[in-house]
Amino acid sequence: MPVGVSHYLAVSAVIFAVGVAGVLLRRNILVVLMSIELMLNAANLAFVTFSRASGAVGGQIVVLFVMTVAAAEVAVGLAIVLIAFRARETTDVDEMNVMKW
């Protein structure tokens, strides 16, 4: 049985759902950032799937931009987490809800 577009989209939906669950259920900010990365990767998989199915390269170009933004998000996010950890000595999201240090 050949692997079709629906199979790739199903995998993308599962990965996205795992990412959403991680964002909503976890309290550690590092796990939340990793879950956001999962959601971005699920969107990338869907873009590449539609791009390949239609024969256009537009989706693959969008994926390159999304990967660039994801790399910048990781760098900035980890810097913010490091600063917050030094100030509060915790990575719990509930403890970091106030911007006043």
Protein backbone atom coordinates (compact mmCIF):
# COMPACT_ATOMS: atom_id res chain seq x y z
CA MET A 1 0.00 0.00 0.00
CA PRO A 2 1.57 3.33 -1.03
CA VAL A 3 1.91 6.12 1.49
CA GLY A 4 -0.41 8.94 0.49
CA VAL A 5 -1.02 12.53 1.41
CA SER A 6 -3.56 11.55 4.05
CA HIS A 7 -0.96 9.48 5.90
CA TYR A 8 1.45 12.40 6.11
CA LEU A 9 -1.33 14.72 7.24
CA ALA A 10 -2.40 12.23 9.90
CA VAL A 11 1.15 12.08 11.26
CA SER A 12 1.29 15.88 11.16
CA ALA A 13 -1.99 16.12 13.09
CA VAL A 14 -0.75 13.67 15.74
CA ILE A 15 2.52 15.56 16.18
CA PHE A 16 0.63 18.85 16.42
CA ALA A 17 -1.77 17.37 19.01
CA VAL A 18 1.16 16.15 21.11
CA GLY A 19 2.64 19.66 20.95
CA VAL A 20 -0.63 21.29 22.01
CA ALA A 21 -0.98 18.82 24.87
CA GLY A 22 2.56 19.63 25.99
CA VAL A 23 1.87 23.36 25.97
CA LEU A 24 -1.40 23.01 27.86
CA LEU A 25 -0.48 20.33 30.38
CA ARG A 26 3.18 20.84 31.29
CA ARG A 27 4.51 23.36 33.76
CA ASN A 28 8.20 23.36 32.88
CA ILE A 29 9.02 26.19 30.49
CA LEU A 30 11.61 24.09 28.63
CA VAL A 31 9.02 21.41 27.88
CA VAL A 32 6.63 24.13 26.71
CA LEU A 33 9.28 25.47 24.31
CA MET A 34 9.93 21.96 23.00
CA SER A 35 6.19 21.49 22.50
CA ILE A 36 6.04 24.70 20.47
CA GLU A 37 8.85 23.31 18.33
CA LEU A 38 6.79 20.13 17.82
CA MET A 39 3.87 22.22 16.61
CA LEU A 40 6.12 24.10 14.18
CA ASN A 41 7.51 20.82 12.86
CA ALA A 42 4.00 19.47 12.36
CA ALA A 43 3.14 22.55 10.33
CA ASN A 44 6.35 22.09 8.33
CA LEU A 45 5.38 18.51 7.54
CA ALA A 46 1.97 19.65 6.32
CA PHE A 47 3.56 22.39 4.16
CA VAL A 48 5.98 19.93 2.57
CA THR A 49 3.18 17.41 2.02
CA PHE A 50 0.98 19.90 0.21
CA SER A 51 3.94 21.26 -1.71
CA ARG A 52 4.93 17.82 -2.92
CA ALA A 53 1.35 16.86 -3.76
CA SER A 54 0.79 20.00 -5.83
CA GLY A 55 4.21 19.99 -7.48
CA ALA A 56 4.98 23.55 -6.41
CA VAL A 57 7.97 24.56 -4.31
CA GLY A 58 6.21 27.36 -2.42
CA GLY A 59 5.52 25.20 0.61
CA GLN A 60 9.13 24.14 0.85
CA ILE A 61 10.25 27.76 0.74
CA VAL A 62 7.84 28.57 3.56
CA VAL A 63 9.35 25.68 5.55
CA LEU A 64 12.80 27.25 5.24
CA PHE A 65 11.45 30.51 6.66
CA VAL A 66 9.64 28.67 9.47
CA MET A 67 12.85 26.81 10.35
CA THR A 68 14.73 30.12 10.47
CA VAL A 69 12.13 31.65 12.77
CA ALA A 70 12.15 28.51 14.93
CA ALA A 71 15.93 28.74 15.35
CA ALA A 72 15.64 32.37 16.39
CA GLU A 73 12.78 31.49 18.75
CA VAL A 74 14.90 28.84 20.44
CA ALA A 75 17.83 31.20 20.91
CA VAL A 76 15.72 34.03 22.33
CA GLY A 77 13.49 31.69 24.34
CA LEU A 78 16.40 29.92 26.00
CA ALA A 79 18.03 33.26 26.81
CA ILE A 80 14.82 34.44 28.47
CA VAL A 81 14.49 31.16 30.38
CA LEU A 82 18.09 31.42 31.57
CA ILE A 83 17.57 34.97 32.83
CA ALA A 84 14.29 34.00 34.50
CA PHE A 85 15.91 30.96 36.13
CA ARG A 86 18.72 33.07 37.53
CA ALA A 87 16.22 35.54 38.99
CA ARG A 88 13.60 33.09 40.29
CA GLU A 89 15.55 29.78 40.51
CA THR A 90 12.67 27.86 38.94
CA THR A 91 11.47 26.91 35.46
CA ASP A 92 7.85 26.51 36.52
CA VAL A 93 5.48 28.45 34.27
CA ASP A 94 3.15 29.32 37.15
CA GLU A 95 6.01 30.93 39.06
CA MET A 96 7.04 33.03 36.05
CA ASN A 97 3.64 34.54 35.33
CA VAL A 98 4.57 37.97 36.66
CA MET A 99 6.90 40.06 34.53
CA LYS A 100 7.97 42.19 37.50
CA TRP A 101 11.18 40.69 38.95
